[in-house]
């Protein structure tokens, strides 16, 4: 996504639903820190969780300053 590399991921929960997360790092620097964002929503399908991860990653990379992993996704 532009100057960032984004890796969406899905994770099964104990109750059979799926959670989403994504990691982001700058594409031009292999030494740049990777930030991992874990999303709270749980979904019935892996595809729905992946879609949320990709959408949230896109929104985060469009911001002027990429927040740190501990910052809320507001």
Protein backbone atom coordinates (compact mmCIF):
# COMPACT_ATOMS: atom_id res chain seq x y z
CA UNK A 1 0.00 0.00 0.00
CA UNK A 2 2.19 2.80 -1.24
CA UNK A 3 5.26 3.19 0.94
CA UNK A 4 4.07 0.54 3.42
CA UNK A 5 4.05 -3.25 3.41
CA UNK A 6 0.86 -4.60 4.97
CA UNK A 7 0.28 -8.20 6.06
CA UNK A 8 -3.31 -9.05 7.03
CA UNK A 9 -3.91 -12.14 9.14
CA UNK A 10 -6.83 -14.06 10.63
CA UNK A 11 -6.93 -16.15 13.79
CA UNK A 12 -9.57 -18.71 14.84
CA UNK A 13 -11.12 -18.21 18.29
CA UNK A 14 -12.10 -20.88 20.80
CA UNK A 15 -15.76 -20.52 19.84
CA UNK A 16 -15.18 -21.11 16.10
CA UNK A 17 -15.23 -17.47 14.98
CA UNK A 18 -12.30 -15.48 13.53
CA UNK A 19 -10.39 -12.41 14.67
CA UNK A 20 -8.31 -10.16 12.45
CA UNK A 21 -4.94 -8.50 12.77
CA UNK A 22 -2.45 -6.82 10.47
CA UNK A 23 1.15 -5.72 10.53
CA UNK A 24 2.61 -2.65 8.85
CA UNK A 25 6.19 -1.59 8.11
CA UNK A 26 7.81 0.83 5.71
CA UNK A 27 8.69 -0.77 2.39
CA UNK A 28 11.96 1.08 1.81
CA UNK A 29 13.67 0.16 5.06
CA UNK A 30 14.18 -3.41 6.10
CA UNK A 31 15.32 -2.13 9.51
CA UNK A 32 12.06 -0.28 10.16
CA UNK A 33 9.99 -1.57 13.06
CA UNK A 34 6.93 -3.64 12.28
CA UNK A 35 3.73 -2.57 14.01
CA UNK A 36 1.09 -5.20 14.72
CA UNK A 37 -2.55 -4.24 15.21
CA UNK A 38 -5.01 -6.75 16.69
CA UNK A 39 -8.66 -5.97 16.03
CA UNK A 40 -11.39 -6.68 18.58
CA UNK A 41 -14.26 -7.79 16.32
CA UNK A 42 -14.95 -11.50 15.82
CA UNK A 43 -16.46 -12.78 12.57
CA UNK A 44 -18.26 -15.91 11.42
CA UNK A 45 -15.95 -16.33 8.41
CA UNK A 46 -12.22 -16.07 7.83
CA UNK A 47 -12.86 -13.97 4.70
CA UNK A 48 -14.87 -11.36 6.66
CA UNK A 49 -12.06 -11.06 9.21
CA UNK A 50 -9.48 -10.72 6.42
CA UNK A 51 -11.55 -8.02 4.73
CA UNK A 52 -11.66 -6.01 7.96
CA UNK A 53 -7.89 -6.40 8.40
CA UNK A 54 -7.20 -5.18 4.85
CA UNK A 55 -9.62 -2.25 5.22
CA UNK A 56 -8.21 -1.15 8.57
CA UNK A 57 -4.65 -1.45 7.24
CA UNK A 58 -5.55 0.73 4.27
CA UNK A 59 -7.10 3.34 6.58
CA UNK A 60 -4.02 3.33 8.84
CA UNK A 61 -1.58 3.77 5.95
CA UNK A 62 -3.62 6.71 4.60
CA UNK A 63 -3.07 8.67 7.83
CA UNK A 64 -0.31 11.32 7.79
CA UNK A 65 1.52 9.63 10.69
CA UNK A 66 1.37 5.91 11.30
CA UNK A 67 0.41 5.35 14.96
CA UNK A 68 2.34 3.02 17.21
CA UNK A 69 0.91 -0.41 17.99
CA UNK A 70 -0.41 0.67 21.40
CA UNK A 71 -2.46 3.54 19.97
CA UNK A 72 -6.19 3.01 19.40
CA UNK A 73 -7.36 2.58 15.81
CA UNK A 74 -9.47 5.74 15.82
